[in-house]
Amino acid sequence: VKINTQLYQQLKTQIGKGKISEFVEKTLTEKLEQKEQELELAYKEIAQDKKR
């Protein structure tokens, strides 16, 4: 994974140099789970519309 230098510096300052990987993993996992839930809801809505 490639990260913009400016973003890396910001992460290093705010999160800490040894904690960036953990932060990125946690953040991406949360975001992917959120997107998965949104897709599941959208699929359910489509299925309901097709039943009408």
C-alpha atoms as a PDB file:
ATOM      1  CA  VAL A   1       0.000   0.000   0.000  1.00  0.00           C
ATOM      2  CA  LYS A   2       1.373   3.363  -0.987  1.00  0.00           C
ATOM      3  CA  ILE A   3       0.548   6.396   1.150  1.00  0.00           C
ATOM      4  CA  ASN A   4       1.102  10.031   0.258  1.00  0.00           C
ATOM      5  CA  THR A   5       4.119  11.439   2.129  1.00  0.00           C
ATOM      6  CA  GLN A   6       2.103  14.264   3.653  1.00  0.00           C
ATOM      7  CA  LEU A   7      -0.551  11.822   4.891  1.00  0.00           C
ATOM      8  CA  TYR A   8       2.141   9.541   6.335  1.00  0.00           C
ATOM      9  CA  GLN A   9       3.655  12.462   8.244  1.00  0.00           C
ATOM     10  CA  GLN A  10       0.222  13.354   9.603  1.00  0.00           C
ATOM     11  CA  LEU A  11      -0.372   9.740  10.675  1.00  0.00           C
ATOM     12  CA  LYS A  12       3.057   9.582  12.286  1.00  0.00           C
ATOM     13  CA  THR A  13       2.336  12.763  14.246  1.00  0.00           C
ATOM     14  CA  GLN A  14      -1.213  11.908  15.307  1.00  0.00           C
ATOM     15  CA  ILE A  15      -1.094   8.109  15.651  1.00  0.00           C
ATOM     16  CA  GLY A  16       2.556   7.385  16.363  1.00  0.00           C
ATOM     17  CA  LYS A  17       5.184   5.761  14.164  1.00  0.00           C
ATOM     18  CA  GLY A  18       4.800   2.234  15.521  1.00  0.00           C
ATOM     19  CA  LYS A  19       1.009   2.276  15.465  1.00  0.00           C
ATOM     20  CA  ILE A  20       0.205   3.262  11.874  1.00  0.00           C
ATOM     21  CA  SER A  21      -0.309  -0.270  10.517  1.00  0.00           C
ATOM     22  CA  GLU A  22      -2.687  -1.152  13.330  1.00  0.00           C
ATOM     23  CA  PHE A  23      -4.604   2.107  12.844  1.00  0.00           C
ATOM     24  CA  VAL A  24      -4.886   1.628   9.069  1.00  0.00           C
ATOM     25  CA  GLU A  25      -6.007  -1.990   9.467  1.00  0.00           C
ATOM     26  CA  LYS A  26      -8.638  -1.094  12.071  1.00  0.00           C
ATOM     27  CA  THR A  27      -9.920   1.874  10.065  1.00  0.00           C
ATOM     28  CA  LEU A  28     -10.136  -0.056   6.795  1.00  0.00           C
ATOM     29  CA  THR A  29     -11.826  -3.010   8.483  1.00  0.00           C
ATOM     30  CA  GLU A  30     -14.474  -0.720   9.974  1.00  0.00           C
ATOM     31  CA  LYS A  31     -15.005   1.034   6.634  1.00  0.00           C
ATOM     32  CA  LEU A  32     -15.287  -2.242   4.712  1.00  0.00           C
ATOM     33  CA  GLU A  33     -17.766  -3.637   7.239  1.00  0.00           C
ATOM     34  CA  GLN A  34     -19.837  -0.460   6.898  1.00  0.00           C
ATOM     35  CA  LYS A  35     -19.827  -0.734   3.089  1.00  0.00           C
ATOM     36  CA  GLU A  36     -20.771  -4.420   3.320  1.00  0.00           C
ATOM     37  CA  GLN A  37     -23.766  -3.550   5.512  1.00  0.00           C
ATOM     38  CA  GLU A  38     -24.805  -0.799   3.087  1.00  0.00           C
ATOM     39  CA  LEU A  39     -24.645  -3.231   0.159  1.00  0.00           C
ATOM     40  CA  GLU A  40     -26.618  -5.855   2.058  1.00  0.00           C
ATOM     41  CA  LEU A  41     -29.319  -3.298   2.837  1.00  0.00           C
ATOM     42  CA  ALA A  42     -29.421  -2.146  -0.788  1.00  0.00           C
ATOM     43  CA  TYR A  43     -29.766  -5.751  -2.013  1.00  0.00           C
ATOM     44  CA  LYS A  44     -32.631  -6.320   0.427  1.00  0.00           C
ATOM     45  CA  GLU A  45     -34.367  -3.159  -0.806  1.00  0.00           C
ATOM     46  CA  ILE A  46     -33.992  -4.288  -4.418  1.00  0.00           C
ATOM     47  CA  ALA A  47     -35.395  -7.712  -3.543  1.00  0.00           C
ATOM     48  CA  GLN A  48     -38.392  -6.083  -1.854  1.00  0.00           C
ATOM     49  CA  ASP A  49     -38.995  -3.854  -4.894  1.00  0.00           C
ATOM     50  CA  LYS A  50     -38.950  -6.902  -7.207  1.00  0.00           C
ATOM     51  CA  LYS A  51     -41.596  -8.610  -5.063  1.00  0.00           C
ATOM     52  CA  ARG A  52     -44.024  -5.725  -5.647  1.00  0.00           C
END
